[in-house]
Amino acid sequence: MLVAFGLPPLAHEDDAVRGIEAALKVQSQLAELGEQVAIGVTTARVFCGSVGSDTRREYTMIGEGVNLAARLMQAIAATDAVADGCNILCDDETRKAAHREFTTLPPLSLRGLAEPVVVHTPLDVVQRSARTSTSIVGRVPERCLIGDCINRLVEQREGGAILIEAEAGLGKSRLVEYLREQAEELTCLVGASSAIENHTPYLAWRSIFQGLFGLAPRTDDGDRSRQKVLIYLQDFAGFQDLAA
């Protein structure tokens, strides 16, 4: 099966993430059925279109990325990788583009390629984008607005909301980082969501509440988490009923 992410007009800035998510989902579902799977995920520019003649043609994809994905699948099937649980192999371009945790494996010598290929296998854990802190340039009106809001909160205890809205790649995340930098004396709780996970209720609020109540989702069960929340809210009249 050949699957493509990012074909116009359905391209997204996180298509590499979507590809990894789909691969992990396929692997999980087939494992429940007792089936093994070999998946190669690559990121590259390829040709997509009709190939053939007037009597017979098909819509397909052609390019080095497609060939590499097939070679990665063959490498899994030809080794003990499937038995070791390494059913998905990604190239280095996919690792760079997808905000996930990966395990880097020894380079593979693949048929048709002169040099060994660095490969990675994704862990089933989301890694939020880690951005390098750099000095912000421009955005003077926005920075002044952020500074005024922080000053009103600190000096006058006056809250509020700031809405940052723009197309992808125009610096929204950097402005949020700037806000956090200017609010060092305050407690900052950050939530994030993803277009891939738009069916998960309240996803953007989970990390906020986990930080606020000191929850450890990987070690705390439901009862323990609820007790932590109730203890935190015991000084806030009327809020405990909301945690039921």
C-alpha atoms as a PDB file:
ATOM      1  CA  MET A   1       0.000   0.000   0.000  1.00  0.00           C
ATOM      2  CA  LEU A   2       1.263   3.435  -0.967  1.00  0.00           C
ATOM      3  CA  VAL A   3       0.080   6.432   1.089  1.00  0.00           C
ATOM      4  CA  ALA A   4       0.942  10.087   0.495  1.00  0.00           C
ATOM      5  CA  PHE A   5       0.594  13.081   2.791  1.00  0.00           C
ATOM      6  CA  GLY A   6       0.858  16.616   1.474  1.00  0.00           C
ATOM      7  CA  LEU A   7      -0.722  16.328  -1.971  1.00  0.00           C
ATOM      8  CA  PRO A   8      -2.185  19.700  -3.083  1.00  0.00           C
ATOM      9  CA  PRO A   9      -4.649  21.061  -2.163  1.00  0.00           C
ATOM     10  CA  LEU A  10      -4.540  19.006   1.065  1.00  0.00           C
ATOM     11  CA  ALA A  11      -0.978  19.866   2.138  1.00  0.00           C
ATOM     12  CA  HIS A  12      -0.254  20.737   5.767  1.00  0.00           C
ATOM     13  CA  GLU A  13       2.808  22.059   7.550  1.00  0.00           C
ATOM     14  CA  ASP A  14       2.813  18.926   9.744  1.00  0.00           C
ATOM     15  CA  ASP A  15       2.471  16.265   7.051  1.00  0.00           C
ATOM     16  CA  ALA A  16       5.527  14.404   8.378  1.00  0.00           C
ATOM     17  CA  VAL A  17       3.847  14.162  11.773  1.00  0.00           C
ATOM     18  CA  ARG A  18       0.640  12.934  10.142  1.00  0.00           C
ATOM     19  CA  GLY A  19       2.585  10.247   8.282  1.00  0.00           C
ATOM     20  CA  ILE A  20       4.172   8.971  11.494  1.00  0.00           C
ATOM     21  CA  GLU A  21       0.818   9.056  13.308  1.00  0.00           C
ATOM     22  CA  ALA A  22      -0.772   7.013  10.523  1.00  0.00           C
ATOM     23  CA  ALA A  23       2.080   4.482  10.535  1.00  0.00           C
ATOM     24  CA  LEU A  24       1.828   3.988  14.300  1.00  0.00           C
ATOM     25  CA  LYS A  25      -1.944   3.590  14.058  1.00  0.00           C
ATOM     26  CA  VAL A  26      -1.672   0.992  11.291  1.00  0.00           C
ATOM     27  CA  GLN A  27       0.958  -0.898  13.273  1.00  0.00           C
ATOM     28  CA  SER A  28      -1.187  -0.863  16.426  1.00  0.00           C
ATOM     29  CA  GLN A  29      -4.367  -1.990  14.701  1.00  0.00           C
ATOM     30  CA  LEU A  30      -2.694  -4.831  12.803  1.00  0.00           C
ATOM     31  CA  ALA A  31      -0.864  -5.977  15.945  1.00  0.00           C
ATOM     32  CA  GLU A  32      -4.242  -6.416  17.657  1.00  0.00           C
ATOM     33  CA  LEU A  33      -5.199  -8.741  14.795  1.00  0.00           C
ATOM     34  CA  GLY A  34      -1.969 -10.695  15.185  1.00  0.00           C
ATOM     35  CA  GLU A  35      -0.564  -9.417  11.889  1.00  0.00           C
ATOM     36  CA  GLN A  36       2.966  -8.151  11.269  1.00  0.00           C
ATOM     37  CA  VAL A  37       3.668  -5.024   9.262  1.00  0.00           C
ATOM     38  CA  ALA A  38       6.655  -3.335   7.633  1.00  0.00           C
ATOM     39  CA  ILE A  39       6.361   0.415   7.003  1.00  0.00           C
ATOM     40  CA  GLY A  40       8.849   2.822   5.471  1.00  0.00           C
ATOM     41  CA  VAL A  41       8.257   6.564   5.905  1.00  0.00           C
ATOM     42  CA  THR A  42      10.194   9.135   3.887  1.00  0.00           C
ATOM     43  CA  THR A  43       9.946  12.864   3.234  1.00  0.00           C
ATOM     44  CA  ALA A  44      10.821  14.072  -0.253  1.00  0.00           C
ATOM     45  CA  ARG A  45       9.575  15.830  -3.365  1.00  0.00           C
ATOM     46  CA  VAL A  46       8.031  13.345  -5.809  1.00  0.00           C
ATOM     47  CA  PHE A  47       5.988  13.324  -8.987  1.00  0.00           C
ATOM     48  CA  CYS A  48       2.271  12.611  -8.530  1.00  0.00           C
ATOM     49  CA  GLY A  49       0.054  12.155 -11.557  1.00  0.00           C
ATOM     50  CA  SER A  50      -1.225   9.913 -14.313  1.00  0.00           C
ATOM     51  CA  VAL A  51       1.288   7.575 -15.928  1.00  0.00           C
ATOM     52  CA  GLY A  52       0.579   5.401 -18.952  1.00  0.00           C
ATOM     53  CA  SER A  53      -1.067   5.639 -22.366  1.00  0.00           C
ATOM     54  CA  ASP A  54      -4.526   6.431 -23.723  1.00  0.00           C
ATOM     55  CA  THR A  55      -5.548   2.785 -23.371  1.00  0.00           C
ATOM     56  CA  ARG A  56      -4.223   2.187 -19.880  1.00  0.00           C
ATOM     57  CA  ARG A  57      -3.000   4.599 -17.259  1.00  0.00           C
ATOM     58  CA  GLU A  58      -2.894   4.931 -13.485  1.00  0.00           C
ATOM     59  CA  TYR A  59      -2.422   7.635 -10.903  1.00  0.00           C
ATOM     60  CA  THR A  60       0.839   7.022  -9.099  1.00  0.00           C
ATOM     61  CA  MET A  61       3.851   8.571  -7.392  1.00  0.00           C
ATOM     62  CA  ILE A  62       7.392   8.400  -8.718  1.00  0.00           C
ATOM     63  CA  GLY A  63      10.583   9.610  -7.113  1.00  0.00           C
ATOM     64  CA  GLU A  64      13.538   8.801  -4.909  1.00  0.00           C
ATOM     65  CA  GLY A  65      11.420   9.175  -1.768  1.00  0.00           C
ATOM     66  CA  VAL A  66       9.032   6.461  -2.951  1.00  0.00           C
ATOM     67  CA  ASN A  67      11.923   4.130  -3.781  1.00  0.00           C
ATOM     68  CA  LEU A  68      13.567   4.733  -0.410  1.00  0.00           C
ATOM     69  CA  ALA A  69      10.346   3.984   1.456  1.00  0.00           C
ATOM     70  CA  ALA A  70      10.085   0.675  -0.415  1.00  0.00           C
ATOM     71  CA  ARG A  71      13.716  -0.168   0.420  1.00  0.00           C
ATOM     72  CA  LEU A  72      13.078   0.524   4.111  1.00  0.00           C
ATOM     73  CA  MET A  73      10.105  -1.830   4.046  1.00  0.00           C
ATOM     74  CA  GLN A  74      12.231  -4.522   2.398  1.00  0.00           C
ATOM     75  CA  ALA A  75      14.960  -4.016   5.000  1.00  0.00           C
ATOM     76  CA  ILE A  76      12.460  -4.629   7.804  1.00  0.00           C
ATOM     77  CA  ALA A  77      11.097  -7.768   6.165  1.00  0.00           C
ATOM     78  CA  ALA A  78      14.569  -9.134   5.412  1.00  0.00           C
ATOM     79  CA  THR A  79      15.897  -8.812   8.989  1.00  0.00           C
ATOM     80  CA  ASP A  80      14.757  -9.519  12.508  1.00  0.00           C
ATOM     81  CA  ALA A  81      13.495  -5.962  12.858  1.00  0.00           C
ATOM     82  CA  VAL A  82       9.841  -7.031  12.920  1.00  0.00           C
ATOM     83  CA  ALA A  83      10.521  -9.537  15.663  1.00  0.00           C
ATOM     84  CA  ASP A  84      12.226  -6.823  17.690  1.00  0.00           C
ATOM     85  CA  GLY A  85       9.196  -4.549  17.382  1.00  0.00           C
ATOM     86  CA  CYS A  86      10.948  -2.229  14.899  1.00  0.00           C
ATOM     87  CA  ASN A  87       8.193  -2.299  12.298  1.00  0.00           C
ATOM     88  CA  ILE A  88       8.538   1.331  11.141  1.00  0.00           C
ATOM     89  CA  LEU A  89      11.671   2.889   9.677  1.00  0.00           C
ATOM     90  CA  CYS A  90      11.999   6.577   8.773  1.00  0.00           C
ATOM     91  CA  ASP A  91      14.614   8.524   6.904  1.00  0.00           C
ATOM     92  CA  ASP A  92      16.484  11.470   8.394  1.00  0.00           C
ATOM     93  CA  GLU A  93      14.322  14.075   6.628  1.00  0.00           C
ATOM     94  CA  THR A  94      11.213  12.671   8.308  1.00  0.00           C
ATOM     95  CA  ARG A  95      12.914  12.710  11.713  1.00  0.00           C
ATOM     96  CA  LYS A  96      13.793  16.389  11.269  1.00  0.00           C
ATOM     97  CA  ALA A  97      10.283  17.352  10.173  1.00  0.00           C
ATOM     98  CA  ALA A  98       8.286  15.335  12.732  1.00  0.00           C
ATOM     99  CA  HIS A  99       8.168  16.536  16.342  1.00  0.00           C
ATOM    100  CA  ARG A 100       8.445  13.108  17.940  1.00  0.00           C
ATOM    101  CA  GLU A 101      10.896  11.034  19.866  1.00  0.00           C
ATOM    102  CA  PHE A 102      12.904   8.636  17.703  1.00  0.00           C
ATOM    103  CA  THR A 103      15.464   5.924  18.267  1.00  0.00           C
ATOM    104  CA  THR A 104      18.344   6.223  15.806  1.00  0.00           C
ATOM    105  CA  LEU A 105      19.461   2.876  14.391  1.00  0.00           C
ATOM    106  CA  PRO A 106      22.727   1.850  12.725  1.00  0.00           C
ATOM    107  CA  PRO A 107      22.924   2.979   9.060  1.00  0.00           C
ATOM    108  CA  LEU A 108      21.527   0.504   6.552  1.00  0.00           C
ATOM    109  CA  SER A 109      23.052  -0.524   3.242  1.00  0.00           C
ATOM    110  CA  LEU A 110      20.106  -0.607   0.865  1.00  0.00           C
ATOM    111  CA  ARG A 111      19.880  -2.016  -2.616  1.00  0.00           C
ATOM    112  CA  GLY A 112      20.381   0.613  -5.312  1.00  0.00           C
ATOM    113  CA  LEU A 113      21.978   3.170  -2.984  1.00  0.00           C
ATOM    114  CA  ALA A 114      25.721   3.769  -2.926  1.00  0.00           C
ATOM    115  CA  GLU A 115      25.935   5.071   0.657  1.00  0.00           C
ATOM    116  CA  PRO A 116      24.448   3.633   3.871  1.00  0.00           C
ATOM    117  CA  VAL A 117      21.250   5.396   4.955  1.00  0.00           C
ATOM    118  CA  VAL A 118      20.709   6.768   8.449  1.00  0.00           C
ATOM    119  CA  VAL A 119      17.373   5.436   9.715  1.00  0.00           C
ATOM    120  CA  HIS A 120      15.183   5.996  12.755  1.00  0.00           C
ATOM    121  CA  THR A 121      12.214   4.295  14.345  1.00  0.00           C
ATOM    122  CA  PRO A 122       9.526   6.427  16.048  1.00  0.00           C
ATOM    123  CA  LEU A 123       8.581   5.968  19.668  1.00  0.00           C
ATOM    124  CA  ASP A 124       4.895   6.100  20.421  1.00  0.00           C
ATOM    125  CA  VAL A 125       5.366   9.304  22.436  1.00  0.00           C
ATOM    126  CA  VAL A 126       4.611  12.804  21.216  1.00  0.00           C
ATOM    127  CA  GLN A 127       7.433  15.303  21.571  1.00  0.00           C
ATOM    128  CA  ARG A 128       6.249  18.894  21.353  1.00  0.00           C
ATOM    129  CA  SER A 129       8.308  21.135  19.176  1.00  0.00           C
ATOM    130  CA  ALA A 130      11.474  22.322  20.916  1.00  0.00           C
ATOM    131  CA  ARG A 131      12.428  25.702  19.524  1.00  0.00           C
ATOM    132  CA  THR A 132      15.741  27.435  19.949  1.00  0.00           C
ATOM    133  CA  SER A 133      15.398  30.704  21.842  1.00  0.00           C
ATOM    134  CA  THR A 134      16.441  33.633  19.666  1.00  0.00           C
ATOM    135  CA  SER A 135      15.988  37.399  19.919  1.00  0.00           C
ATOM    136  CA  ILE A 136      12.699  38.496  18.445  1.00  0.00           C
ATOM    137  CA  VAL A 137      12.920  41.015  15.611  1.00  0.00           C
ATOM    138  CA  GLY A 138      10.180  43.554  14.855  1.00  0.00           C
ATOM    139  CA  ARG A 139       6.612  42.973  16.058  1.00  0.00           C
ATOM    140  CA  VAL A 140       6.842  46.208  18.092  1.00  0.00           C
ATOM    141  CA  PRO A 141       3.042  46.770  18.475  1.00  0.00           C
ATOM    142  CA  GLU A 142       2.496  43.147  19.499  1.00  0.00           C
ATOM    143  CA  ARG A 143       5.374  43.247  22.003  1.00  0.00           C
ATOM    144  CA  CYS A 144       4.043  46.480  23.524  1.00  0.00           C
ATOM    145  CA  LEU A 145       0.598  44.916  23.900  1.00  0.00           C
ATOM    146  CA  ILE A 146       2.077  41.868  25.619  1.00  0.00           C
ATOM    147  CA  GLY A 147       4.129  44.054  27.950  1.00  0.00           C
ATOM    148  CA  ASP A 148       1.103  46.180  28.885  1.00  0.00           C
ATOM    149  CA  CYS A 149      -1.008  43.108  29.653  1.00  0.00           C
ATOM    150  CA  ILE A 150       1.697  41.593  31.864  1.00  0.00           C
ATOM    151  CA  ASN A 151       2.164  44.885  33.747  1.00  0.00           C
ATOM    152  CA  ARG A 152      -1.580  45.191  34.405  1.00  0.00           C
ATOM    153  CA  LEU A 153      -1.651  41.637  35.692  1.00  0.00           C
ATOM    154  CA  VAL A 154       1.339  42.101  38.010  1.00  0.00           C
ATOM    155  CA  GLU A 155       0.624  45.622  39.266  1.00  0.00           C
ATOM    156  CA  GLN A 156      -3.176  45.819  39.182  1.00  0.00           C
ATOM    157  CA  ARG A 157      -4.139  42.119  39.338  1.00  0.00           C
ATOM    158  CA  GLU A 158      -6.144  42.707  36.172  1.00  0.00           C
ATOM    159  CA  GLY A 159      -6.435  39.707  33.882  1.00  0.00           C
ATOM    160  CA  GLY A 160      -7.340  39.477  30.224  1.00  0.00           C
ATOM    161  CA  ALA A 161      -6.807  37.576  26.990  1.00  0.00           C
ATOM    162  CA  ILE A 162      -4.575  38.046  23.955  1.00  0.00           C
ATOM    163  CA  LEU A 163      -5.523  36.459  20.644  1.00  0.00           C
ATOM    164  CA  ILE A 164      -2.686  35.882  18.169  1.00  0.00           C
ATOM    165  CA  GLU A 165      -3.979  34.905  14.759  1.00  0.00           C
ATOM    166  CA  ALA A 166      -1.981  34.451  11.533  1.00  0.00           C
ATOM    167  CA  GLU A 167      -1.098  32.038   8.771  1.00  0.00           C
ATOM    168  CA  ALA A 168       1.398  29.253   9.423  1.00  0.00           C
ATOM    169  CA  GLY A 169       5.031  30.317   9.635  1.00  0.00           C
ATOM    170  CA  LEU A 170       4.462  33.991  10.502  1.00  0.00           C
ATOM    171  CA  GLY A 171       5.798  33.850  14.055  1.00  0.00           C
ATOM    172  CA  LYS A 172       2.853  33.058  16.357  1.00  0.00           C
ATOM    173  CA  SER A 173       4.873  30.573  18.419  1.00  0.00           C
ATOM    174  CA  ARG A 174       7.744  33.054  18.762  1.00  0.00           C
ATOM    175  CA  LEU A 175       5.382  35.675  20.170  1.00  0.00           C
ATOM    176  CA  VAL A 176       4.117  33.159  22.720  1.00  0.00           C
ATOM    177  CA  GLU A 177       7.731  32.429  23.676  1.00  0.00           C
ATOM    178  CA  TYR A 178       8.300  36.168  24.060  1.00  0.00           C
ATOM    179  CA  LEU A 179       5.298  36.411  26.381  1.00  0.00           C
ATOM    180  CA  ARG A 180       6.698  33.621  28.569  1.00  0.00           C
ATOM    181  CA  GLU A 181      10.113  35.293  28.646  1.00  0.00           C
ATOM    182  CA  GLN A 182       8.564  38.567  29.837  1.00  0.00           C
ATOM    183  CA  ALA A 183       6.463  36.775  32.475  1.00  0.00           C
ATOM    184  CA  GLU A 184       9.330  35.073  34.304  1.00  0.00           C
ATOM    185  CA  GLU A 185       8.019  36.153  37.721  1.00  0.00           C
ATOM    186  CA  LEU A 186       4.640  34.537  36.994  1.00  0.00           C
ATOM    187  CA  THR A 187       3.644  30.890  36.834  1.00  0.00           C
ATOM    188  CA  CYS A 188       3.127  29.940  33.184  1.00  0.00           C
ATOM    189  CA  LEU A 189       1.097  26.900  32.194  1.00  0.00           C
ATOM    190  CA  VAL A 190       1.108  25.979  28.519  1.00  0.00           C
ATOM    191  CA  GLY A 191      -1.340  23.854  26.577  1.00  0.00           C
ATOM    192  CA  ALA A 192      -1.068  22.763  22.975  1.00  0.00           C
ATOM    193  CA  SER A 193      -3.195  20.859  20.524  1.00  0.00           C
ATOM    194  CA  SER A 194      -2.801  19.434  17.059  1.00  0.00           C
ATOM    195  CA  ALA A 195      -4.974  19.236  13.983  1.00  0.00           C
ATOM    196  CA  ILE A 196      -4.264  15.503  13.973  1.00  0.00           C
ATOM    197  CA  GLU A 197      -5.818  15.073  17.410  1.00  0.00           C
ATOM    198  CA  ASN A 198      -8.890  17.240  16.917  1.00  0.00           C
ATOM    199  CA  HIS A 199     -11.189  14.423  18.082  1.00  0.00           C
ATOM    200  CA  THR A 200      -9.634  14.258  21.574  1.00  0.00           C
ATOM    201  CA  PRO A 201     -11.800  16.337  23.959  1.00  0.00           C
ATOM    202  CA  TYR A 202     -10.030  19.143  25.829  1.00  0.00           C
ATOM    203  CA  LEU A 203      -6.604  18.036  24.610  1.00  0.00           C
ATOM    204  CA  ALA A 204      -5.124  21.541  24.808  1.00  0.00           C
ATOM    205  CA  TRP A 205      -6.131  21.792  28.479  1.00  0.00           C
ATOM    206  CA  ARG A 206      -4.603  18.510  29.636  1.00  0.00           C
ATOM    207  CA  SER A 207      -1.037  19.717  30.144  1.00  0.00           C
ATOM    208  CA  ILE A 208      -2.372  22.887  31.815  1.00  0.00           C
ATOM    209  CA  PHE A 209      -4.351  20.968  34.423  1.00  0.00           C
ATOM    210  CA  GLN A 210      -1.537  18.461  34.885  1.00  0.00           C
ATOM    211  CA  GLY A 211       0.845  21.302  35.703  1.00  0.00           C
ATOM    212  CA  LEU A 212      -1.669  23.145  37.878  1.00  0.00           C
ATOM    213  CA  PHE A 213      -2.602  20.131  39.999  1.00  0.00           C
ATOM    214  CA  GLY A 214       0.777  18.371  39.913  1.00  0.00           C
ATOM    215  CA  LEU A 215      -0.554  15.313  38.095  1.00  0.00           C
ATOM    216  CA  ALA A 216       1.712  12.609  36.679  1.00  0.00           C
ATOM    217  CA  PRO A 217      -0.388  10.911  33.950  1.00  0.00           C
ATOM    218  CA  ARG A 218       2.017   8.020  33.472  1.00  0.00           C
ATOM    219  CA  THR A 219       2.110   7.051  37.172  1.00  0.00           C
ATOM    220  CA  ASP A 220      -1.070   8.448  38.731  1.00  0.00           C
ATOM    221  CA  ASP A 221      -4.238   6.399  38.275  1.00  0.00           C
ATOM    222  CA  GLY A 222      -7.675   8.002  38.130  1.00  0.00           C
ATOM    223  CA  ASP A 223      -8.369   7.852  41.876  1.00  0.00           C
ATOM    224  CA  ARG A 224      -4.969   9.251  42.815  1.00  0.00           C
ATOM    225  CA  SER A 225      -5.298  12.098  40.323  1.00  0.00           C
ATOM    226  CA  ARG A 226      -8.761  12.938  41.619  1.00  0.00           C
ATOM    227  CA  GLN A 227      -7.494  13.083  45.208  1.00  0.00           C
ATOM    228  CA  LYS A 228      -4.742  15.499  44.196  1.00  0.00           C
ATOM    229  CA  VAL A 229      -7.287  17.735  42.493  1.00  0.00           C
ATOM    230  CA  LEU A 230      -9.640  17.706  45.497  1.00  0.00           C
ATOM    231  CA  ILE A 231      -6.807  18.556  47.892  1.00  0.00           C
ATOM    232  CA  TYR A 232      -5.783  21.473  45.701  1.00  0.00           C
ATOM    233  CA  LEU A 233      -9.344  22.786  45.503  1.00  0.00           C
ATOM    234  CA  GLN A 234     -10.226  22.440  49.190  1.00  0.00           C
ATOM    235  CA  ASP A 235      -9.528  26.136  49.794  1.00  0.00           C
ATOM    236  CA  PHE A 236     -11.718  27.212  46.873  1.00  0.00           C
ATOM    237  CA  ALA A 237     -15.380  27.111  47.816  1.00  0.00           C
ATOM    238  CA  GLY A 238     -17.695  25.651  45.200  1.00  0.00           C
ATOM    239  CA  PHE A 239     -14.949  24.252  42.960  1.00  0.00           C
ATOM    240  CA  GLN A 240     -14.796  20.732  44.392  1.00  0.00           C
ATOM    241  CA  ASP A 241     -18.147  19.852  42.845  1.00  0.00           C
ATOM    242  CA  LEU A 242     -16.660  20.588  39.413  1.00  0.00           C
ATOM    243  CA  ALA A 243     -13.979  17.933  39.979  1.00  0.00           C
ATOM    244  CA  ALA A 244     -16.507  15.149  40.584  1.00  0.00           C
END
